[in-house]
Amino acid sequence: MIPAIDPTPSPARRAVGDREEAVLQMSDHDRRPGAVWALPAFLFFAAFAVLPMVLVLVLSFTSWNGLGDPQPAGMENWQRLAKDDELVASLWRTLLVMVASWALQTPIALGIGVWAAGKQRNRAVLSALFFVPLLLSTPAIALMWRTFLDASFGLPNALRGVLGDNTNLLGNPDLAIWIAVFVMSWQWIPFHTLLYQGAARGVPVVLYEASVIDGAGRWRQFWSITLPQLRYTIVTSTILMLVGSVTTFDAILVLTEGGPGTATRILPLHMYFMGFTGYEMGYASAVAVLIVVLGTAMSLAAVRLSGFRAMQSQSEGL
């Protein structure tokens, strides 16, 4: 005999049901954390980002050699920017480094990241070894490559039979900037690989299973599934590369010191030499503001042109 079931829910069940209904009736505004939650991050950003930028902006309207009190200079430093031929040349070198770094790092990081997201044998060991450059400091890496490429004791000297008298690679004005791009990419490709590896692991497996039923091969899956699913990660990686290329400083300073001549003197180095070698802190501050504006403009352009601002979740089930 089947016992009778009381349709009346228990008090505990009614309480759970009331909570679930209350959560469903909450608006998006009620579910979001209040402004107090963002206050620590806002204060940190204001103290260590906004305030220094404001001080640099104020200093750009002064004349100061690093000693004594800054003296008001009006628009003198800003008018000088348009007349500085070396500034224009440094700007073009910065854009060259930016484009070359993106063109070199993106396909390599994307390919290795997608590969590292798989389940191949020894993948974890190879990935760990590949990420070692990311653990080293930038000056140490630049010093290592400077020693490695030394014309007298490095690899070029060992290849003298092939290179002939052209062993001073870092002293070649036509090669120095490309070597700098290679060294920076060697360090930062592992970082972008991590981004692509994490994003590739988040691609829904059902998409690949359906493509196999349709007869798609590995390359077809990559171009039709993996690459479109990674488009937002590509945008994020691109923005980081652009901003990093605009603000890079220590690697080129240690590797070439801006030389030979001014062959690798990009905007941050130009700012450094004007401020700490020429003792023109006011003008160097104007160059620093220009760098901030350039980096911000590049980021906003990448976001706007890629549609990243209107992105939607690609997570399975959402």
C-alpha atoms as a PDB file:
ATOM      1  CA  MET A   1       0.000   0.000   0.000  1.00  0.00           C
ATOM      2  CA  ILE A   2       1.446   3.376  -1.023  1.00  0.00           C
ATOM      3  CA  PRO A   3       1.462   5.841   1.873  1.00  0.00           C
ATOM      4  CA  ALA A   4      -0.259   9.186   1.350  1.00  0.00           C
ATOM      5  CA  ILE A   5       2.028  12.127   0.546  1.00  0.00           C
ATOM      6  CA  ASP A   6       1.314  15.423   2.202  1.00  0.00           C
ATOM      7  CA  PRO A   7       1.460  18.096  -0.560  1.00  0.00           C
ATOM      8  CA  THR A   8       2.088  20.843   1.965  1.00  0.00           C
ATOM      9  CA  PRO A   9       5.812  21.816   1.872  1.00  0.00           C
ATOM     10  CA  SER A  10       7.770  21.769   5.082  1.00  0.00           C
ATOM     11  CA  PRO A  11       8.838  25.075   6.715  1.00  0.00           C
ATOM     12  CA  ALA A  12      12.444  24.526   5.588  1.00  0.00           C
ATOM     13  CA  ARG A  13      11.378  23.952   1.991  1.00  0.00           C
ATOM     14  CA  ARG A  14       9.145  27.010   2.069  1.00  0.00           C
ATOM     15  CA  ALA A  15      12.054  29.130   3.334  1.00  0.00           C
ATOM     16  CA  VAL A  16      14.324  27.898   0.510  1.00  0.00           C
ATOM     17  CA  GLY A  17      11.595  28.597  -2.027  1.00  0.00           C
ATOM     18  CA  ASP A  18      11.055  32.099  -0.691  1.00  0.00           C
ATOM     19  CA  ARG A  19      14.802  32.852  -0.949  1.00  0.00           C
ATOM     20  CA  GLU A  20      14.986  31.573  -4.531  1.00  0.00           C
ATOM     21  CA  GLU A  21      11.988  33.666  -5.526  1.00  0.00           C
ATOM     22  CA  ALA A  22      13.507  36.734  -3.877  1.00  0.00           C
ATOM     23  CA  VAL A  23      16.777  36.225  -5.804  1.00  0.00           C
ATOM     24  CA  LEU A  24      14.897  35.860  -9.101  1.00  0.00           C
ATOM     25  CA  GLN A  25      12.983  39.071  -8.436  1.00  0.00           C
ATOM     26  CA  MET A  26      16.142  41.046  -7.726  1.00  0.00           C
ATOM     27  CA  SER A  27      17.110  43.495 -10.446  1.00  0.00           C
ATOM     28  CA  ASP A  28      20.573  43.619 -11.997  1.00  0.00           C
ATOM     29  CA  HIS A  29      21.251  46.747  -9.976  1.00  0.00           C
ATOM     30  CA  ASP A  30      20.463  44.939  -6.707  1.00  0.00           C
ATOM     31  CA  ARG A  31      22.766  42.043  -7.550  1.00  0.00           C
ATOM     32  CA  ARG A  32      25.781  44.212  -8.226  1.00  0.00           C
ATOM     33  CA  PRO A  33      28.182  45.167  -5.410  1.00  0.00           C
ATOM     34  CA  GLY A  34      27.837  48.690  -4.104  1.00  0.00           C
ATOM     35  CA  ALA A  35      30.282  51.519  -4.670  1.00  0.00           C
ATOM     36  CA  VAL A  36      31.932  50.795  -1.321  1.00  0.00           C
ATOM     37  CA  TRP A  37      33.360  47.567  -2.751  1.00  0.00           C
ATOM     38  CA  ALA A  38      35.186  49.542  -5.453  1.00  0.00           C
ATOM     39  CA  LEU A  39      36.476  52.213  -3.078  1.00  0.00           C
ATOM     40  CA  PRO A  40      39.820  50.515  -2.159  1.00  0.00           C
ATOM     41  CA  ALA A  41      40.663  49.917  -5.820  1.00  0.00           C
ATOM     42  CA  PHE A  42      39.646  53.479  -6.675  1.00  0.00           C
ATOM     43  CA  LEU A  43      41.833  54.949  -3.935  1.00  0.00           C
ATOM     44  CA  PHE A  44      44.786  52.790  -4.975  1.00  0.00           C
ATOM     45  CA  PHE A  45      44.382  53.838  -8.621  1.00  0.00           C
ATOM     46  CA  ALA A  46      44.004  57.498  -7.665  1.00  0.00           C
ATOM     47  CA  ALA A  47      47.111  57.484  -5.446  1.00  0.00           C
ATOM     48  CA  PHE A  48      49.457  55.561  -7.725  1.00  0.00           C
ATOM     49  CA  ALA A  49      48.161  56.426 -11.216  1.00  0.00           C
ATOM     50  CA  VAL A  50      45.998  59.533 -11.373  1.00  0.00           C
ATOM     51  CA  LEU A  51      47.966  61.675  -8.912  1.00  0.00           C
ATOM     52  CA  PRO A  52      51.394  61.015 -10.526  1.00  0.00           C
ATOM     53  CA  MET A  53      49.954  61.763 -13.979  1.00  0.00           C
ATOM     54  CA  VAL A  54      48.490  65.044 -12.721  1.00  0.00           C
ATOM     55  CA  LEU A  55      51.838  66.009 -11.179  1.00  0.00           C
ATOM     56  CA  VAL A  56      53.668  65.190 -14.415  1.00  0.00           C
ATOM     57  CA  LEU A  57      51.141  67.252 -16.373  1.00  0.00           C
ATOM     58  CA  VAL A  58      51.708  70.218 -14.055  1.00  0.00           C
ATOM     59  CA  LEU A  59      55.474  69.780 -14.307  1.00  0.00           C
ATOM     60  CA  SER A  60      55.253  69.873 -18.122  1.00  0.00           C
ATOM     61  CA  PHE A  61      54.338  73.561 -17.883  1.00  0.00           C
ATOM     62  CA  THR A  62      57.483  74.400 -15.912  1.00  0.00           C
ATOM     63  CA  SER A  63      61.209  74.731 -16.417  1.00  0.00           C
ATOM     64  CA  TRP A  64      63.172  72.580 -13.980  1.00  0.00           C
ATOM     65  CA  ASN A  65      66.634  71.046 -13.987  1.00  0.00           C
ATOM     66  CA  GLY A  66      65.939  68.705 -11.061  1.00  0.00           C
ATOM     67  CA  LEU A  67      67.307  71.083  -8.427  1.00  0.00           C
ATOM     68  CA  GLY A  68      65.590  73.956  -6.716  1.00  0.00           C
ATOM     69  CA  ASP A  69      62.007  74.913  -7.416  1.00  0.00           C
ATOM     70  CA  PRO A  70      60.337  74.487 -10.829  1.00  0.00           C
ATOM     71  CA  GLN A  71      59.723  77.777 -12.612  1.00  0.00           C
ATOM     72  CA  PRO A  72      56.589  78.427 -14.684  1.00  0.00           C
ATOM     73  CA  ALA A  73      57.288  78.125 -18.422  1.00  0.00           C
ATOM     74  CA  GLY A  74      53.816  78.346 -19.922  1.00  0.00           C
ATOM     75  CA  MET A  75      53.433  76.480 -23.226  1.00  0.00           C
ATOM     76  CA  GLU A  76      57.160  76.563 -24.006  1.00  0.00           C
ATOM     77  CA  ASN A  77      57.702  72.824 -23.560  1.00  0.00           C
ATOM     78  CA  TRP A  78      54.634  71.938 -25.604  1.00  0.00           C
ATOM     79  CA  GLN A  79      55.609  74.273 -28.431  1.00  0.00           C
ATOM     80  CA  ARG A  80      59.024  72.674 -28.439  1.00  0.00           C
ATOM     81  CA  LEU A  81      57.528  69.227 -29.043  1.00  0.00           C
ATOM     82  CA  ALA A  82      56.517  70.123 -32.584  1.00  0.00           C
ATOM     83  CA  LYS A  83      60.019  71.433 -33.363  1.00  0.00           C
ATOM     84  CA  ASP A  84      61.958  68.481 -31.939  1.00  0.00           C
ATOM     85  CA  ASP A  85      63.135  66.419 -34.923  1.00  0.00           C
ATOM     86  CA  GLU A  86      64.499  63.690 -32.667  1.00  0.00           C
ATOM     87  CA  LEU A  87      61.098  63.412 -30.985  1.00  0.00           C
ATOM     88  CA  VAL A  88      59.446  62.792 -34.359  1.00  0.00           C
ATOM     89  CA  ALA A  89      62.076  60.199 -35.236  1.00  0.00           C
ATOM     90  CA  SER A  90      61.630  58.536 -31.839  1.00  0.00           C
ATOM     91  CA  LEU A  91      57.880  58.439 -32.409  1.00  0.00           C
ATOM     92  CA  TRP A  92      58.328  56.615 -35.716  1.00  0.00           C
ATOM     93  CA  ARG A  93      60.717  54.128 -34.097  1.00  0.00           C
ATOM     94  CA  THR A  94      58.173  53.544 -31.330  1.00  0.00           C
ATOM     95  CA  LEU A  95      55.447  52.820 -33.890  1.00  0.00           C
ATOM     96  CA  LEU A  96      57.826  50.487 -35.714  1.00  0.00           C
ATOM     97  CA  VAL A  97      58.583  48.574 -32.515  1.00  0.00           C
ATOM     98  CA  MET A  98      54.872  48.418 -31.758  1.00  0.00           C
ATOM     99  CA  VAL A  99      53.852  46.964 -35.130  1.00  0.00           C
ATOM    100  CA  ALA A 100      56.835  44.610 -35.338  1.00  0.00           C
ATOM    101  CA  SER A 101      56.275  43.292 -31.810  1.00  0.00           C
ATOM    102  CA  TRP A 102      52.615  42.613 -32.502  1.00  0.00           C
ATOM    103  CA  ALA A 103      53.334  40.908 -35.838  1.00  0.00           C
ATOM    104  CA  LEU A 104      55.988  38.668 -34.270  1.00  0.00           C
ATOM    105  CA  GLN A 105      54.398  37.847 -30.925  1.00  0.00           C
ATOM    106  CA  THR A 106      50.761  37.295 -31.898  1.00  0.00           C
ATOM    107  CA  PRO A 107      51.040  34.323 -34.291  1.00  0.00           C
ATOM    108  CA  ILE A 108      53.695  32.577 -32.186  1.00  0.00           C
ATOM    109  CA  ALA A 109      51.850  33.060 -28.880  1.00  0.00           C
ATOM    110  CA  LEU A 110      48.541  32.077 -30.464  1.00  0.00           C
ATOM    111  CA  GLY A 111      49.941  28.893 -31.982  1.00  0.00           C
ATOM    112  CA  ILE A 112      51.796  27.768 -28.871  1.00  0.00           C
ATOM    113  CA  GLY A 113      48.882  28.715 -26.615  1.00  0.00           C
ATOM    114  CA  VAL A 114      46.403  26.629 -28.612  1.00  0.00           C
ATOM    115  CA  TRP A 115      48.864  23.732 -28.665  1.00  0.00           C
ATOM    116  CA  ALA A 116      49.533  23.976 -24.914  1.00  0.00           C
ATOM    117  CA  ALA A 117      45.785  23.810 -24.238  1.00  0.00           C
ATOM    118  CA  GLY A 118      45.666  20.253 -25.597  1.00  0.00           C
ATOM    119  CA  LYS A 119      46.505  16.936 -23.970  1.00  0.00           C
ATOM    120  CA  GLN A 120      49.684  16.010 -25.821  1.00  0.00           C
ATOM    121  CA  ARG A 121      52.349  13.920 -24.150  1.00  0.00           C
ATOM    122  CA  ASN A 122      54.978  15.966 -22.289  1.00  0.00           C
ATOM    123  CA  ARG A 123      52.924  19.123 -22.906  1.00  0.00           C
ATOM    124  CA  ALA A 124      53.111  20.224 -19.263  1.00  0.00           C
ATOM    125  CA  VAL A 125      56.908  19.829 -19.095  1.00  0.00           C
ATOM    126  CA  LEU A 126      57.532  21.681 -22.353  1.00  0.00           C
ATOM    127  CA  SER A 127      55.128  24.449 -21.357  1.00  0.00           C
ATOM    128  CA  ALA A 128      56.900  24.915 -18.017  1.00  0.00           C
ATOM    129  CA  LEU A 129      60.281  25.224 -19.740  1.00  0.00           C
ATOM    130  CA  PHE A 130      58.874  27.620 -22.289  1.00  0.00           C
ATOM    131  CA  PHE A 131      57.537  29.948 -19.584  1.00  0.00           C
ATOM    132  CA  VAL A 132      60.946  30.360 -17.897  1.00  0.00           C
ATOM    133  CA  PRO A 133      61.728  33.718 -19.632  1.00  0.00           C
ATOM    134  CA  LEU A 134      58.602  35.143 -18.042  1.00  0.00           C
ATOM    135  CA  LEU A 135      60.110  34.548 -14.593  1.00  0.00           C
ATOM    136  CA  LEU A 136      63.283  36.549 -15.300  1.00  0.00           C
ATOM    137  CA  SER A 137      63.627  40.298 -14.908  1.00  0.00           C
ATOM    138  CA  THR A 138      63.764  42.428 -18.046  1.00  0.00           C
ATOM    139  CA  PRO A 139      67.196  43.994 -17.311  1.00  0.00           C
ATOM    140  CA  ALA A 140      68.661  40.532 -16.662  1.00  0.00           C
ATOM    141  CA  ILE A 141      67.311  39.250 -19.982  1.00  0.00           C
ATOM    142  CA  ALA A 142      68.616  42.294 -21.848  1.00  0.00           C
ATOM    143  CA  LEU A 143      72.039  41.908 -20.236  1.00  0.00           C
ATOM    144  CA  MET A 144      72.092  38.200 -21.090  1.00  0.00           C
ATOM    145  CA  TRP A 145      71.323  38.863 -24.759  1.00  0.00           C
ATOM    146  CA  ARG A 146      73.806  41.741 -24.870  1.00  0.00           C
ATOM    147  CA  THR A 147      76.512  39.379 -23.671  1.00  0.00           C
ATOM    148  CA  PHE A 148      75.287  36.603 -25.956  1.00  0.00           C
ATOM    149  CA  LEU A 149      75.491  38.937 -28.986  1.00  0.00           C
ATOM    150  CA  ASP A 150      78.827  40.484 -28.053  1.00  0.00           C
ATOM    151  CA  ALA A 151      80.957  40.929 -31.156  1.00  0.00           C
ATOM    152  CA  SER A 152      84.159  39.759 -29.446  1.00  0.00           C
ATOM    153  CA  PHE A 153      83.066  36.977 -27.106  1.00  0.00           C
ATOM    154  CA  GLY A 154      79.500  36.060 -28.113  1.00  0.00           C
ATOM    155  CA  LEU A 155      77.845  34.007 -30.790  1.00  0.00           C
ATOM    156  CA  PRO A 156      78.655  36.426 -33.659  1.00  0.00           C
ATOM    157  CA  ASN A 157      82.366  35.899 -33.006  1.00  0.00           C
ATOM    158  CA  ALA A 158      81.857  32.123 -33.210  1.00  0.00           C
ATOM    159  CA  LEU A 159      80.075  32.625 -36.547  1.00  0.00           C
ATOM    160  CA  ARG A 160      82.734  34.924 -37.937  1.00  0.00           C
ATOM    161  CA  GLY A 161      83.266  32.528 -40.824  1.00  0.00           C
ATOM    162  CA  VAL A 162      79.656  33.081 -41.885  1.00  0.00           C
ATOM    163  CA  LEU A 163      79.194  36.718 -40.899  1.00  0.00           C
ATOM    164  CA  GLY A 164      82.618  37.921 -41.947  1.00  0.00           C
ATOM    165  CA  ASP A 165      83.379  41.323 -40.494  1.00  0.00           C
ATOM    166  CA  ASN A 166      79.709  41.980 -39.678  1.00  0.00           C
ATOM    167  CA  THR A 167      79.892  40.533 -36.177  1.00  0.00           C
ATOM    168  CA  ASN A 168      78.877  43.704 -34.334  1.00  0.00           C
ATOM    169  CA  LEU A 169      75.137  43.086 -34.699  1.00  0.00           C
ATOM    170  CA  LEU A 170      74.111  45.473 -31.928  1.00  0.00           C
ATOM    171  CA  GLY A 171      76.299  48.135 -33.481  1.00  0.00           C
ATOM    172  CA  ASN A 172      74.559  47.899 -36.834  1.00  0.00           C
ATOM    173  CA  PRO A 173      72.002  50.743 -37.158  1.00  0.00           C
ATOM    174  CA  ASP A 174      69.899  48.657 -39.557  1.00  0.00           C
ATOM    175  CA  LEU A 175      69.735  45.575 -37.306  1.00  0.00           C
ATOM    176  CA  ALA A 176      69.777  46.934 -33.753  1.00  0.00           C
ATOM    177  CA  ILE A 177      66.091  47.825 -33.528  1.00  0.00           C
ATOM    178  CA  TRP A 178      65.038  44.439 -34.955  1.00  0.00           C
ATOM    179  CA  ILE A 179      67.240  42.668 -32.403  1.00  0.00           C
ATOM    180  CA  ALA A 180      65.576  44.734 -29.676  1.00  0.00           C
ATOM    181  CA  VAL A 181      62.136  43.631 -30.934  1.00  0.00           C
ATOM    182  CA  PHE A 182      63.282  40.004 -30.913  1.00  0.00           C
ATOM    183  CA  VAL A 183      64.629  40.197 -27.351  1.00  0.00           C
ATOM    184  CA  MET A 184      61.444  41.821 -26.020  1.00  0.00           C
ATOM    185  CA  SER A 185      59.307  39.280 -27.848  1.00  0.00           C
ATOM    186  CA  TRP A 186      61.412  36.412 -26.487  1.00  0.00           C
ATOM    187  CA  GLN A 187      60.490  37.512 -22.970  1.00  0.00           C
ATOM    188  CA  TRP A 188      56.812  38.379 -23.441  1.00  0.00           C
ATOM    189  CA  ILE A 189      55.582  35.672 -25.823  1.00  0.00           C
ATOM    190  CA  PRO A 190      55.151  33.257 -22.867  1.00  0.00           C
ATOM    191  CA  PHE A 191      52.844  35.753 -21.137  1.00  0.00           C
ATOM    192  CA  HIS A 192      50.555  36.065 -24.143  1.00  0.00           C
ATOM    193  CA  THR A 193      50.752  32.311 -24.608  1.00  0.00           C
ATOM    194  CA  LEU A 194      49.231  31.918 -21.145  1.00  0.00           C
ATOM    195  CA  LEU A 195      46.342  34.147 -22.198  1.00  0.00           C
ATOM    196  CA  TYR A 196      45.663  32.077 -25.308  1.00  0.00           C
ATOM    197  CA  GLN A 197      46.112  28.792 -23.460  1.00  0.00           C
ATOM    198  CA  GLY A 198      43.484  29.712 -20.867  1.00  0.00           C
ATOM    199  CA  ALA A 199      41.073  30.997 -23.500  1.00  0.00           C
ATOM    200  CA  ALA A 200      41.526  27.923 -25.721  1.00  0.00           C
ATOM    201  CA  ARG A 201      40.671  25.640 -22.823  1.00  0.00           C
ATOM    202  CA  GLY A 202      37.411  27.543 -22.403  1.00  0.00           C
ATOM    203  CA  VAL A 203      36.163  26.815 -25.927  1.00  0.00           C
ATOM    204  CA  PRO A 204      33.110  24.489 -25.681  1.00  0.00           C
ATOM    205  CA  VAL A 205      34.057  20.924 -26.608  1.00  0.00           C
ATOM    206  CA  VAL A 206      30.678  20.371 -28.291  1.00  0.00           C
ATOM    207  CA  LEU A 207      31.753  22.698 -31.097  1.00  0.00           C
ATOM    208  CA  TYR A 208      34.681  20.445 -31.981  1.00  0.00           C
ATOM    209  CA  GLU A 209      32.560  17.319 -31.646  1.00  0.00           C
ATOM    210  CA  ALA A 210      29.996  18.738 -34.044  1.00  0.00           C
ATOM    211  CA  SER A 211      32.715  19.759 -36.518  1.00  0.00           C
ATOM    212  CA  VAL A 212      34.144  16.217 -36.494  1.00  0.00           C
ATOM    213  CA  ILE A 213      30.713  14.872 -37.440  1.00  0.00           C
ATOM    214  CA  ASP A 214      30.646  17.374 -40.302  1.00  0.00           C
ATOM    215  CA  GLY A 215      34.052  16.141 -41.469  1.00  0.00           C
ATOM    216  CA  ALA A 216      36.164  19.164 -40.469  1.00  0.00           C
ATOM    217  CA  GLY A 217      39.904  18.617 -40.045  1.00  0.00           C
ATOM    218  CA  ARG A 218      42.345  20.236 -37.624  1.00  0.00           C
ATOM    219  CA  TRP A 219      42.998  23.318 -39.742  1.00  0.00           C
ATOM    220  CA  ARG A 220      39.311  23.829 -40.458  1.00  0.00           C
ATOM    221  CA  GLN A 221      38.540  23.573 -36.745  1.00  0.00           C
ATOM    222  CA  PHE A 222      41.233  26.141 -35.967  1.00  0.00           C
ATOM    223  CA  TRP A 223      40.045  28.715 -38.523  1.00  0.00           C
ATOM    224  CA  SER A 224      36.313  28.196 -38.037  1.00  0.00           C
ATOM    225  CA  ILE A 225      36.066  27.478 -34.291  1.00  0.00           C
ATOM    226  CA  THR A 226      39.203  28.229 -32.287  1.00  0.00           C
ATOM    227  CA  LEU A 227      40.144  31.546 -33.865  1.00  0.00           C
ATOM    228  CA  PRO A 228      36.631  33.094 -33.710  1.00  0.00           C
ATOM    229  CA  GLN A 229      36.249  31.945 -30.105  1.00  0.00           C
ATOM    230  CA  LEU A 230      39.552  33.627 -29.210  1.00  0.00           C
ATOM    231  CA  ARG A 231      38.748  36.977 -30.795  1.00  0.00           C
ATOM    232  CA  TYR A 232      38.293  38.784 -27.470  1.00  0.00           C
ATOM    233  CA  THR A 233      41.515  37.303 -26.130  1.00  0.00           C
ATOM    234  CA  ILE A 234      43.286  38.492 -29.270  1.00  0.00           C
ATOM    235  CA  VAL A 235      41.995  42.005 -28.636  1.00  0.00           C
ATOM    236  CA  THR A 236      43.139  41.906 -24.999  1.00  0.00           C
ATOM    237  CA  SER A 237      46.564  40.600 -25.981  1.00  0.00           C
ATOM    238  CA  THR A 238      46.857  43.228 -28.704  1.00  0.00           C
ATOM    239  CA  ILE A 239      46.089  46.063 -26.296  1.00  0.00           C
ATOM    240  CA  LEU A 240      48.709  44.791 -23.846  1.00  0.00           C
ATOM    241  CA  MET A 241      51.263  44.534 -26.659  1.00  0.00           C
ATOM    242  CA  LEU A 242      50.537  48.041 -27.942  1.00  0.00           C
ATOM    243  CA  VAL A 243      50.727  49.681 -24.539  1.00  0.00           C
ATOM    244  CA  GLY A 244      53.780  47.615 -23.589  1.00  0.00           C
ATOM    245  CA  SER A 245      55.590  48.603 -26.779  1.00  0.00           C
ATOM    246  CA  VAL A 246      54.858  52.288 -26.209  1.00  0.00           C
ATOM    247  CA  THR A 247      56.094  52.224 -22.612  1.00  0.00           C
ATOM    248  CA  THR A 248      59.016  49.776 -22.920  1.00  0.00           C
ATOM    249  CA  PHE A 249      62.207  51.258 -21.598  1.00  0.00           C
ATOM    250  CA  ASP A 250      64.576  49.104 -19.545  1.00  0.00           C
ATOM    251  CA  ALA A 251      65.127  46.388 -22.162  1.00  0.00           C
ATOM    252  CA  ILE A 252      66.402  48.745 -24.861  1.00  0.00           C
ATOM    253  CA  LEU A 253      68.303  50.874 -22.348  1.00  0.00           C
ATOM    254  CA  VAL A 254      70.343  47.879 -21.160  1.00  0.00           C
ATOM    255  CA  LEU A 255      70.598  46.234 -24.572  1.00  0.00           C
ATOM    256  CA  THR A 256      71.656  49.155 -26.789  1.00  0.00           C
ATOM    257  CA  GLU A 257      71.412  52.335 -24.656  1.00  0.00           C
ATOM    258  CA  GLY A 258      69.442  53.841 -27.522  1.00  0.00           C
ATOM    259  CA  GLY A 259      72.253  53.281 -30.006  1.00  0.00           C
ATOM    260  CA  PRO A 260      74.092  52.914 -32.173  1.00  0.00           C
ATOM    261  CA  GLY A 261      73.683  56.656 -32.429  1.00  0.00           C
ATOM    262  CA  THR A 262      69.931  57.089 -32.086  1.00  0.00           C
ATOM    263  CA  ALA A 263      68.921  53.964 -34.039  1.00  0.00           C
ATOM    264  CA  THR A 264      66.941  52.479 -31.116  1.00  0.00           C
ATOM    265  CA  ARG A 265      66.014  55.688 -29.306  1.00  0.00           C
ATOM    266  CA  ILE A 266      62.256  55.312 -28.839  1.00  0.00           C
ATOM    267  CA  LEU A 267      59.978  57.747 -26.983  1.00  0.00           C
ATOM    268  CA  PRO A 268      60.569  56.491 -23.421  1.00  0.00           C
ATOM    269  CA  LEU A 269      64.330  56.615 -23.983  1.00  0.00           C
ATOM    270  CA  HIS A 270      64.052  60.099 -25.463  1.00  0.00           C
ATOM    271  CA  MET A 271      62.150  61.145 -22.341  1.00  0.00           C
ATOM    272  CA  TYR A 272      64.822  59.556 -20.127  1.00  0.00           C
ATOM    273  CA  PHE A 273      67.753  61.204 -21.894  1.00  0.00           C
ATOM    274  CA  MET A 274      66.097  64.636 -21.928  1.00  0.00           C
ATOM    275  CA  GLY A 275      65.217  64.428 -18.232  1.00  0.00           C
ATOM    276  CA  PHE A 276      68.124  62.584 -16.609  1.00  0.00           C
ATOM    277  CA  THR A 277      70.944  63.361 -19.016  1.00  0.00           C
ATOM    278  CA  GLY A 278      69.923  66.798 -20.269  1.00  0.00           C
ATOM    279  CA  TYR A 279      68.336  67.773 -16.927  1.00  0.00           C
ATOM    280  CA  GLU A 280      65.282  69.197 -18.673  1.00  0.00           C
ATOM    281  CA  MET A 281      62.610  67.757 -16.409  1.00  0.00           C
ATOM    282  CA  GLY A 282      59.860  70.028 -17.665  1.00  0.00           C
ATOM    283  CA  TYR A 283      60.325  69.020 -21.284  1.00  0.00           C
ATOM    284  CA  ALA A 284      60.747  65.368 -20.314  1.00  0.00           C
ATOM    285  CA  SER A 285      57.412  65.603 -18.486  1.00  0.00           C
ATOM    286  CA  ALA A 286      55.761  66.887 -21.663  1.00  0.00           C
ATOM    287  CA  VAL A 287      57.151  63.861 -23.527  1.00  0.00           C
ATOM    288  CA  ALA A 288      55.831  61.600 -20.745  1.00  0.00           C
ATOM    289  CA  VAL A 289      52.332  63.064 -21.133  1.00  0.00           C
ATOM    290  CA  LEU A 290      52.601  62.458 -24.887  1.00  0.00           C
ATOM    291  CA  ILE A 291      53.435  58.799 -24.209  1.00  0.00           C
ATOM    292  CA  VAL A 292      50.392  58.434 -21.934  1.00  0.00           C
ATOM    293  CA  VAL A 293      48.131  60.011 -24.560  1.00  0.00           C
ATOM    294  CA  LEU A 294      49.564  57.785 -27.290  1.00  0.00           C
ATOM    295  CA  GLY A 295      49.127  54.597 -25.247  1.00  0.00           C
ATOM    296  CA  THR A 296      45.574  55.537 -24.260  1.00  0.00           C
ATOM    297  CA  ALA A 297      44.660  56.382 -27.857  1.00  0.00           C
ATOM    298  CA  MET A 298      46.006  53.052 -29.087  1.00  0.00           C
ATOM    299  CA  SER A 299      44.010  51.152 -26.468  1.00  0.00           C
ATOM    300  CA  LEU A 300      40.769  52.999 -27.212  1.00  0.00           C
ATOM    301  CA  ALA A 301      41.239  52.520 -30.949  1.00  0.00           C
ATOM    302  CA  ALA A 302      41.787  48.777 -30.526  1.00  0.00           C
ATOM    303  CA  VAL A 303      38.680  48.466 -28.353  1.00  0.00           C
ATOM    304  CA  ARG A 304      36.505  50.483 -30.695  1.00  0.00           C
ATOM    305  CA  LEU A 305      37.633  48.942 -33.971  1.00  0.00           C
ATOM    306  CA  SER A 306      37.389  45.372 -32.651  1.00  0.00           C
ATOM    307  CA  GLY A 307      33.947  45.685 -31.087  1.00  0.00           C
ATOM    308  CA  PHE A 308      35.450  44.521 -27.800  1.00  0.00           C
ATOM    309  CA  ARG A 309      33.321  47.020 -25.882  1.00  0.00           C
ATOM    310  CA  ALA A 310      30.124  45.179 -26.818  1.00  0.00           C
ATOM    311  CA  MET A 311      31.471  41.679 -26.150  1.00  0.00           C
ATOM    312  CA  GLN A 312      29.187  38.984 -24.783  1.00  0.00           C
ATOM    313  CA  SER A 313      29.949  35.857 -22.799  1.00  0.00           C
ATOM    314  CA  GLN A 314      31.132  32.900 -24.849  1.00  0.00           C
ATOM    315  CA  SER A 315      30.975  30.460 -21.939  1.00  0.00           C
ATOM    316  CA  GLU A 316      29.148  27.229 -22.542  1.00  0.00           C
ATOM    317  CA  GLY A 317      25.587  27.303 -21.221  1.00  0.00           C
ATOM    318  CA  LEU A 318      25.325  31.113 -21.009  1.00  0.00           C
END
